[in-house]
PDB file of N, CA and C in Angstrom:
ATOM      1  N   MET A   1       0.977  -1.329   0.137  1.00  0.00           N
ATOM      2  CA  MET A   1      -0.034   0.069  -0.056  1.00  0.00           C
ATOM      3  C   MET A   1       0.882   1.299  -0.097  1.00  0.00           C
ATOM      4  N   ARG A   2       0.608   2.237  -0.942  1.00  0.00           N
ATOM      5  CA  ARG A   2       1.367   3.424  -1.050  1.00  0.00           C
ATOM      6  C   ARG A   2       0.698   4.328  -0.533  1.00  0.00           C
ATOM      7  N   VAL A   3       1.290   4.957   0.261  1.00  0.00           N
ATOM      8  CA  VAL A   3       0.607   6.565   0.987  1.00  0.00           C
ATOM      9  C   VAL A   3       1.279   7.536   0.673  1.00  0.00           C
ATOM     10  N   GLU A   4       0.409   8.408  -0.126  1.00  0.00           N
ATOM     11  CA  GLU A   4       1.038   9.584  -0.536  1.00  0.00           C
ATOM     12  C   GLU A   4       0.961  10.876   0.606  1.00  0.00           C
ATOM     13  N   SER A   5       2.134  11.614   0.534  1.00  0.00           N
ATOM     14  CA  SER A   5       2.112  12.660   1.605  1.00  0.00           C
ATOM     15  C   SER A   5       0.923  14.048   0.996  1.00  0.00           C
ATOM     16  N   VAL A   6       0.424  14.389   1.893  1.00  0.00           N
ATOM     17  CA  VAL A   6      -0.556  15.292   1.699  1.00  0.00           C
ATOM     18  C   VAL A   6      -0.045  16.740   2.300  1.00  0.00           C
ATOM     19  N   VAL A   7       0.019  17.861   1.539  1.00  0.00           N
ATOM     20  CA  VAL A   7       0.351  19.026   2.165  1.00  0.00           C
ATOM     21  C   VAL A   7      -1.028  19.873   2.797  1.00  0.00           C
ATOM     22  N   GLU A   8      -0.833  20.231   3.936  1.00  0.00           N
ATOM     23  CA  GLU A   8      -1.965  21.109   4.450  1.00  0.00           C
ATOM     24  C   GLU A   8      -1.404  22.273   5.230  1.00  0.00           C
ATOM     25  N   VAL A   9      -1.481  23.135   4.846  1.00  0.00           N
ATOM     26  CA  VAL A   9      -0.840  23.986   5.515  1.00  0.00           C
ATOM     27  C   VAL A   9      -1.904  25.593   5.883  1.00  0.00           C
ATOM     28  N   GLU A  10      -1.774  26.189   6.945  1.00  0.00           N
ATOM     29  CA  GLU A  10      -2.526  27.268   7.567  1.00  0.00           C
ATOM     30  C   GLU A  10      -1.706  28.216   8.076  1.00  0.00           C
ATOM     31  N   TRP A  11      -1.776  29.584   7.694  1.00  0.00           N
ATOM     32  CA  TRP A  11      -0.919  30.549   8.122  1.00  0.00           C
ATOM     33  C   TRP A  11      -1.443  31.838   8.218  1.00  0.00           C
ATOM     34  N   THR A  12      -1.129  32.834   8.881  1.00  0.00           N
ATOM     35  CA  THR A  12      -1.636  34.270   8.883  1.00  0.00           C
ATOM     36  C   THR A  12      -0.521  35.182   8.433  1.00  0.00           C
ATOM     37  N   LYS A  13      -0.898  36.165   7.773  1.00  0.00           N
ATOM     38  CA  LYS A  13       0.051  37.396   7.326  1.00  0.00           C
ATOM     39  C   LYS A  13      -0.671  38.597   7.330  1.00  0.00           C
ATOM     40  N   VAL A  14       0.110  39.738   7.924  1.00  0.00           N
ATOM     41  CA  VAL A  14      -0.400  41.134   7.984  1.00  0.00           C
ATOM     42  C   VAL A  14      -0.161  41.606   6.528  1.00  0.00           C
ATOM     43  N   MET A  15      -1.344  41.968   5.814  1.00  0.00           N
ATOM     44  CA  MET A  15      -0.950  42.525   4.421  1.00  0.00           C
ATOM     45  C   MET A  15      -1.079  44.025   4.527  1.00  0.00           C
ATOM     46  N   SER A  16      -0.576  44.610   3.613  1.00  0.00           N
ATOM     47  CA  SER A  16      -0.387  46.172   3.610  1.00  0.00           C
ATOM     48  C   SER A  16      -1.858  46.874   4.005  1.00  0.00           C
ATOM     49  N   GLY A  17      -1.692  47.924   5.028  1.00  0.00           N
ATOM     50  CA  GLY A  17      -3.166  48.525   5.345  1.00  0.00           C
ATOM     51  C   GLY A  17      -3.398  47.679   6.617  1.00  0.00           C
ATOM     52  N   ASP A  18      -2.271  46.885   7.391  1.00  0.00           N
ATOM     53  CA  ASP A  18      -2.720  46.444   8.683  1.00  0.00           C
ATOM     54  C   ASP A  18      -3.681  45.342   8.726  1.00  0.00           C
ATOM     55  N   ARG A  19      -4.220  44.718   7.385  1.00  0.00           N
ATOM     56  CA  ARG A  19      -5.194  43.609   7.467  1.00  0.00           C
ATOM     57  C   ARG A  19      -4.430  42.289   7.723  1.00  0.00           C
ATOM     58  N   LEU A  20      -4.997  41.669   8.721  1.00  0.00           N
ATOM     59  CA  LEU A  20      -4.439  40.356   9.007  1.00  0.00           C
ATOM     60  C   LEU A  20      -5.433  39.418   8.387  1.00  0.00           C
ATOM     61  N   VAL A  21      -4.758  38.458   7.453  1.00  0.00           N
ATOM     62  CA  VAL A  21      -5.465  37.424   6.425  1.00  0.00           C
ATOM     63  C   VAL A  21      -4.953  36.134   7.035  1.00  0.00           C
ATOM     64  N   LYS A  22      -6.041  35.239   6.884  1.00  0.00           N
ATOM     65  CA  LYS A  22      -5.548  33.916   7.185  1.00  0.00           C
ATOM     66  C   LYS A  22      -5.786  33.096   5.938  1.00  0.00           C
ATOM     67  N   PHE A  23      -4.644  32.227   5.497  1.00  0.00           N
ATOM     68  CA  PHE A  23      -4.540  31.634   4.251  1.00  0.00           C
ATOM     69  C   PHE A  23      -4.531  30.169   4.621  1.00  0.00           C
ATOM     70  N   THR A  24      -5.090  29.349   3.909  1.00  0.00           N
ATOM     71  CA  THR A  24      -5.040  27.637   3.953  1.00  0.00           C
ATOM     72  C   THR A  24      -4.654  27.416   2.530  1.00  0.00           C
ATOM     73  N   TYR A  25      -3.890  26.086   2.405  1.00  0.00           N
ATOM     74  CA  TYR A  25      -3.691  25.449   1.104  1.00  0.00           C
ATOM     75  C   TYR A  25      -3.653  24.094   1.502  1.00  0.00           C
ATOM     76  N   LEU A  26      -4.271  23.079   0.728  1.00  0.00           N
ATOM     77  CA  LEU A  26      -4.432  21.950   0.866  1.00  0.00           C
ATOM     78  C   LEU A  26      -4.378  20.949  -0.478  1.00  0.00           C
ATOM     79  N   ASP A  27      -3.470  20.129  -0.471  1.00  0.00           N
ATOM     80  CA  ASP A  27      -3.484  19.160  -1.492  1.00  0.00           C
ATOM     81  C   ASP A  27      -4.722  18.143  -1.531  1.00  0.00           C
ATOM     82  N   LEU A  28      -5.593  18.182  -2.734  1.00  0.00           N
ATOM     83  CA  LEU A  28      -6.473  17.525  -3.048  1.00  0.00           C
ATOM     84  C   LEU A  28      -6.155  16.212  -4.212  1.00  0.00           C
ATOM     85  N   PRO A  29      -6.908  14.968  -4.072  1.00  0.00           N
ATOM     86  CA  PRO A  29      -6.606  14.033  -4.985  1.00  0.00           C
ATOM     87  C   PRO A  29      -6.270  14.586  -6.420  1.00  0.00           C
ATOM     88  N   GLU A  30      -5.760  13.866  -7.346  1.00  0.00           N
ATOM     89  CA  GLU A  30      -5.635  14.073  -8.998  1.00  0.00           C
ATOM     90  C   GLU A  30      -4.791  15.447  -9.146  1.00  0.00           C
ATOM     91  N   GLY A  31      -3.963  15.789  -8.368  1.00  0.00           N
ATOM     92  CA  GLY A  31      -3.066  16.976  -8.562  1.00  0.00           C
ATOM     93  C   GLY A  31      -3.995  18.401  -8.478  1.00  0.00           C
ATOM     94  N   LYS A  32      -4.838  18.294  -7.514  1.00  0.00           N
ATOM     95  CA  LYS A  32      -5.707  19.514  -7.462  1.00  0.00           C
ATOM     96  C   LYS A  32      -5.277  20.023  -6.061  1.00  0.00           C
ATOM     97  N   ALA A  33      -5.868  21.357  -6.108  1.00  0.00           N
ATOM     98  CA  ALA A  33      -5.331  22.258  -4.521  1.00  0.00           C
ATOM     99  C   ALA A  33      -6.534  22.905  -4.108  1.00  0.00           C
ATOM    100  N   PHE A  34      -6.645  23.030  -3.006  1.00  0.00           N
ATOM    101  CA  PHE A  34      -7.794  23.827  -2.398  1.00  0.00           C
ATOM    102  C   PHE A  34      -7.232  25.017  -1.513  1.00  0.00           C
ATOM    103  N   LEU A  35      -7.480  26.398  -1.904  1.00  0.00           N
ATOM    104  CA  LEU A  35      -6.927  27.370  -1.319  1.00  0.00           C
ATOM    105  C   LEU A  35      -8.251  28.311  -0.826  1.00  0.00           C
ATOM    106  N   THR A  36      -7.678  28.951   0.484  1.00  0.00           N
ATOM    107  CA  THR A  36      -8.642  29.567   1.205  1.00  0.00           C
ATOM    108  C   THR A  36      -7.912  30.969   1.710  1.00  0.00           C
ATOM    109  N   ALA A  37      -8.872  32.199   1.601  1.00  0.00           N
ATOM    110  CA  ALA A  37      -8.480  33.427   2.406  1.00  0.00           C
ATOM    111  C   ALA A  37      -9.546  34.008   3.087  1.00  0.00           C
ATOM    112  N   GLN A  38      -9.123  34.497   4.532  1.00  0.00           N
ATOM    113  CA  GLN A  38     -10.159  35.006   5.306  1.00  0.00           C
ATOM    114  C   GLN A  38      -9.538  36.167   5.966  1.00  0.00           C
ATOM    115  N   ILE A  39      -9.910  37.508   5.758  1.00  0.00           N
ATOM    116  CA  ILE A  39      -9.576  38.629   6.406  1.00  0.00           C
ATOM    117  C   ILE A  39     -10.181  38.823   7.828  1.00  0.00           C
ATOM    118  N   ALA A  40      -9.329  38.897   8.769  1.00  0.00           N
ATOM    119  CA  ALA A  40      -9.741  38.816  10.115  1.00  0.00           C
ATOM    120  C   ALA A  40     -10.900  39.760  10.452  1.00  0.00           C
ATOM    121  N   GLY A  41     -11.890  39.214  11.174  1.00  0.00           N
ATOM    122  CA  GLY A  41     -13.148  40.042  11.562  1.00  0.00           C
ATOM    123  C   GLY A  41     -14.248  40.098  10.444  1.00  0.00           C
ATOM    124  N   HIS A  42     -14.026  39.377   9.384  1.00  0.00           N
ATOM    125  CA  HIS A  42     -15.109  39.184   8.432  1.00  0.00           C
ATOM    126  C   HIS A  42     -15.468  37.845   8.338  1.00  0.00           C
ATOM    127  N   GLU A  43     -16.869  37.511   8.056  1.00  0.00           N
ATOM    128  CA  GLU A  43     -17.350  36.296   7.949  1.00  0.00           C
ATOM    129  C   GLU A  43     -17.085  35.683   6.691  1.00  0.00           C
ATOM    130  N   VAL A  44     -16.724  36.237   5.497  1.00  0.00           N
ATOM    131  CA  VAL A  44     -16.769  35.873   4.480  1.00  0.00           C
ATOM    132  C   VAL A  44     -15.164  35.014   4.032  1.00  0.00           C
ATOM    133  N   VAL A  45     -15.216  33.718   3.582  1.00  0.00           N
ATOM    134  CA  VAL A  45     -13.996  33.086   3.174  1.00  0.00           C
ATOM    135  C   VAL A  45     -13.957  32.830   1.892  1.00  0.00           C
ATOM    136  N   TYR A  46     -13.179  33.427   1.335  1.00  0.00           N
ATOM    137  CA  TYR A  46     -12.675  33.302  -0.299  1.00  0.00           C
ATOM    138  C   TYR A  46     -12.170  32.029  -0.428  1.00  0.00           C
ATOM    139  N   SER A  47     -12.559  31.201  -1.496  1.00  0.00           N
ATOM    140  CA  SER A  47     -11.913  29.731  -1.645  1.00  0.00           C
ATOM    141  C   SER A  47     -11.917  29.377  -3.089  1.00  0.00           C
ATOM    142  N   VAL A  48     -10.931  28.618  -3.440  1.00  0.00           N
ATOM    143  CA  VAL A  48     -10.749  28.071  -5.071  1.00  0.00           C
ATOM    144  C   VAL A  48     -10.395  26.720  -4.775  1.00  0.00           C
ATOM    145  N   ILE A  49     -10.683  25.969  -6.026  1.00  0.00           N
ATOM    146  CA  ILE A  49     -10.079  24.777  -6.139  1.00  0.00           C
ATOM    147  C   ILE A  49      -9.420  24.820  -7.416  1.00  0.00           C
ATOM    148  N   LEU A  50      -8.005  24.493  -7.325  1.00  0.00           N
ATOM    149  CA  LEU A  50      -7.243  24.838  -8.689  1.00  0.00           C
ATOM    150  C   LEU A  50      -7.159  23.354  -9.130  1.00  0.00           C
ATOM    151  N   GLN A  51      -7.631  23.254 -10.489  1.00  0.00           N
ATOM    152  CA  GLN A  51      -7.550  21.957 -11.247  1.00  0.00           C
ATOM    153  C   GLN A  51      -6.496  21.404 -11.615  1.00  0.00           C
ATOM    154  N   HIS A  52      -5.208  22.247 -11.748  1.00  0.00           N
ATOM    155  CA  HIS A  52      -3.949  21.645 -12.177  1.00  0.00           C
ATOM    156  C   HIS A  52      -2.966  22.438 -11.126  1.00  0.00           C
ATOM    157  N   VAL A  53      -2.320  21.781 -10.572  1.00  0.00           N
ATOM    158  CA  VAL A  53      -1.103  22.531  -9.808  1.00  0.00           C
ATOM    159  C   VAL A  53       0.476  22.205 -10.510  1.00  0.00           C
ATOM    160  N   ASP A  54       0.728  23.177 -11.069  1.00  0.00           N
ATOM    161  CA  ASP A  54       1.817  23.047 -11.781  1.00  0.00           C
ATOM    162  C   ASP A  54       3.009  23.178 -11.137  1.00  0.00           C
ATOM    163  N   HIS A  55       3.241  23.601 -10.269  1.00  0.00           N
ATOM    164  CA  HIS A  55       4.405  23.802  -9.138  1.00  0.00           C
ATOM    165  C   HIS A  55       4.135  23.500  -7.958  1.00  0.00           C
ATOM    166  N   PRO A  56       5.331  23.270  -7.155  1.00  0.00           N
ATOM    167  CA  PRO A  56       5.165  23.087  -5.604  1.00  0.00           C
ATOM    168  C   PRO A  56       4.546  24.047  -5.167  1.00  0.00           C
ATOM    169  N   PHE A  57       3.785  23.667  -3.771  1.00  0.00           N
ATOM    170  CA  PHE A  57       3.124  24.872  -3.089  1.00  0.00           C
ATOM    171  C   PHE A  57       4.304  25.967  -2.331  1.00  0.00           C
ATOM    172  N   SER A  58       3.720  27.237  -2.520  1.00  0.00           N
ATOM    173  CA  SER A  58       4.435  28.337  -1.837  1.00  0.00           C
ATOM    174  C   SER A  58       3.434  29.143  -1.233  1.00  0.00           C
ATOM    175  N   ARG A  59       3.568  29.824  -0.178  1.00  0.00           N
ATOM    176  CA  ARG A  59       2.815  30.874   0.468  1.00  0.00           C
ATOM    177  C   ARG A  59       2.718  32.101  -0.623  1.00  0.00           C
ATOM    178  N   GLU A  60       3.749  32.423  -1.026  1.00  0.00           N
ATOM    179  CA  GLU A  60       3.704  33.573  -2.178  1.00  0.00           C
ATOM    180  C   GLU A  60       2.552  33.322  -3.189  1.00  0.00           C
ATOM    181  N   GLY A  61       2.689  32.237  -3.554  1.00  0.00           N
ATOM    182  CA  GLY A  61       1.617  31.738  -4.744  1.00  0.00           C
ATOM    183  C   GLY A  61       0.306  31.907  -4.260  1.00  0.00           C
ATOM    184  N   VAL A  62      -0.121  31.403  -3.086  1.00  0.00           N
ATOM    185  CA  VAL A  62      -1.407  31.464  -2.583  1.00  0.00           C
ATOM    186  C   VAL A  62      -1.727  32.787  -2.223  1.00  0.00           C
ATOM    187  N   GLU A  63      -1.000  33.623  -1.710  1.00  0.00           N
ATOM    188  CA  GLU A  63      -1.399  34.933  -1.454  1.00  0.00           C
ATOM    189  C   GLU A  63      -1.524  35.794  -2.748  1.00  0.00           C
ATOM    190  N   HIS A  64      -0.817  35.580  -3.661  1.00  0.00           N
ATOM    191  CA  HIS A  64      -0.899  36.174  -4.799  1.00  0.00           C
ATOM    192  C   HIS A  64      -2.448  35.838  -5.538  1.00  0.00           C
ATOM    193  N   HIS A  65      -2.683  34.816  -5.437  1.00  0.00           N
ATOM    194  CA  HIS A  65      -3.914  34.165  -5.985  1.00  0.00           C
ATOM    195  C   HIS A  65      -5.057  35.023  -5.239  1.00  0.00           C
ATOM    196  N   PHE A  66      -5.016  35.408  -4.135  1.00  0.00           N
ATOM    197  CA  PHE A  66      -5.916  36.253  -3.411  1.00  0.00           C
ATOM    198  C   PHE A  66      -5.934  37.737  -3.315  1.00  0.00           C
ATOM    199  N   ALA A  67      -4.896  38.273  -4.270  1.00  0.00           N
ATOM    200  CA  ALA A  67      -4.726  39.625  -4.348  1.00  0.00           C
ATOM    201  C   ALA A  67      -5.741  40.599  -4.588  1.00  0.00           C
ATOM    202  N   TYR A  68      -6.610  40.153  -5.495  1.00  0.00           N
ATOM    203  CA  TYR A  68      -7.801  40.897  -6.002  1.00  0.00           C
ATOM    204  C   TYR A  68      -8.898  41.096  -4.773  1.00  0.00           C
ATOM    205  N   GLU A  69      -9.132  39.628  -3.891  1.00  0.00           N
ATOM    206  CA  GLU A  69     -10.121  39.765  -2.857  1.00  0.00           C
ATOM    207  C   GLU A  69      -9.596  40.514  -1.608  1.00  0.00           C
ATOM    208  N   CYS A  70      -8.082  40.642  -1.404  1.00  0.00           N
ATOM    209  CA  CYS A  70      -7.779  41.025  -0.244  1.00  0.00           C
ATOM    210  C   CYS A  70      -6.906  42.141  -0.490  1.00  0.00           C
ATOM    211  N   PRO A  71      -7.349  43.493  -1.237  1.00  0.00           N
ATOM    212  CA  PRO A  71      -6.548  44.323  -1.660  1.00  0.00           C
ATOM    213  C   PRO A  71      -6.045  45.270  -0.433  1.00  0.00           C
ATOM    214  N   PRO A  72      -4.844  45.899  -0.568  1.00  0.00           N
ATOM    215  CA  PRO A  72      -4.631  46.860   0.403  1.00  0.00           C
ATOM    216  C   PRO A  72      -5.724  48.035   0.776  1.00  0.00           C
ATOM    217  N   LEU A  73      -5.644  48.195   2.032  1.00  0.00           N
ATOM    218  CA  LEU A  73      -6.667  49.355   2.335  1.00  0.00           C
ATOM    219  C   LEU A  73      -6.036  50.792   1.781  1.00  0.00           C
ATOM    220  N   SER A  74      -6.984  51.454   1.263  1.00  0.00           N
ATOM    221  CA  SER A  74      -6.521  53.054   0.735  1.00  0.00           C
ATOM    222  C   SER A  74      -6.852  53.842   1.898  1.00  0.00           C
ATOM    223  N   ASN A  75      -6.058  54.929   2.033  1.00  0.00           N
ATOM    224  CA  ASN A  75      -6.177  55.985   3.108  1.00  0.00           C
ATOM    225  C   ASN A  75      -7.308  56.847   2.726  1.00  0.00           C
TER     226      ASN A  75
END
């Protein structure tokens, strides 16, 4: 029996504008990945399933994926 390693990572980062954002990354079967982002104090969780993951997991890649949903605060 072959057991495949599954990457599951959760972290928080202070984005520009002092927003605290919680990110998650989870490997799914068949080379897919599940990503989430949630701004602290908000009920909305942004999520996406990537159908093809061409590169290894990177926090920067996940954070970049949600740049539109979690933009910097303007003054």
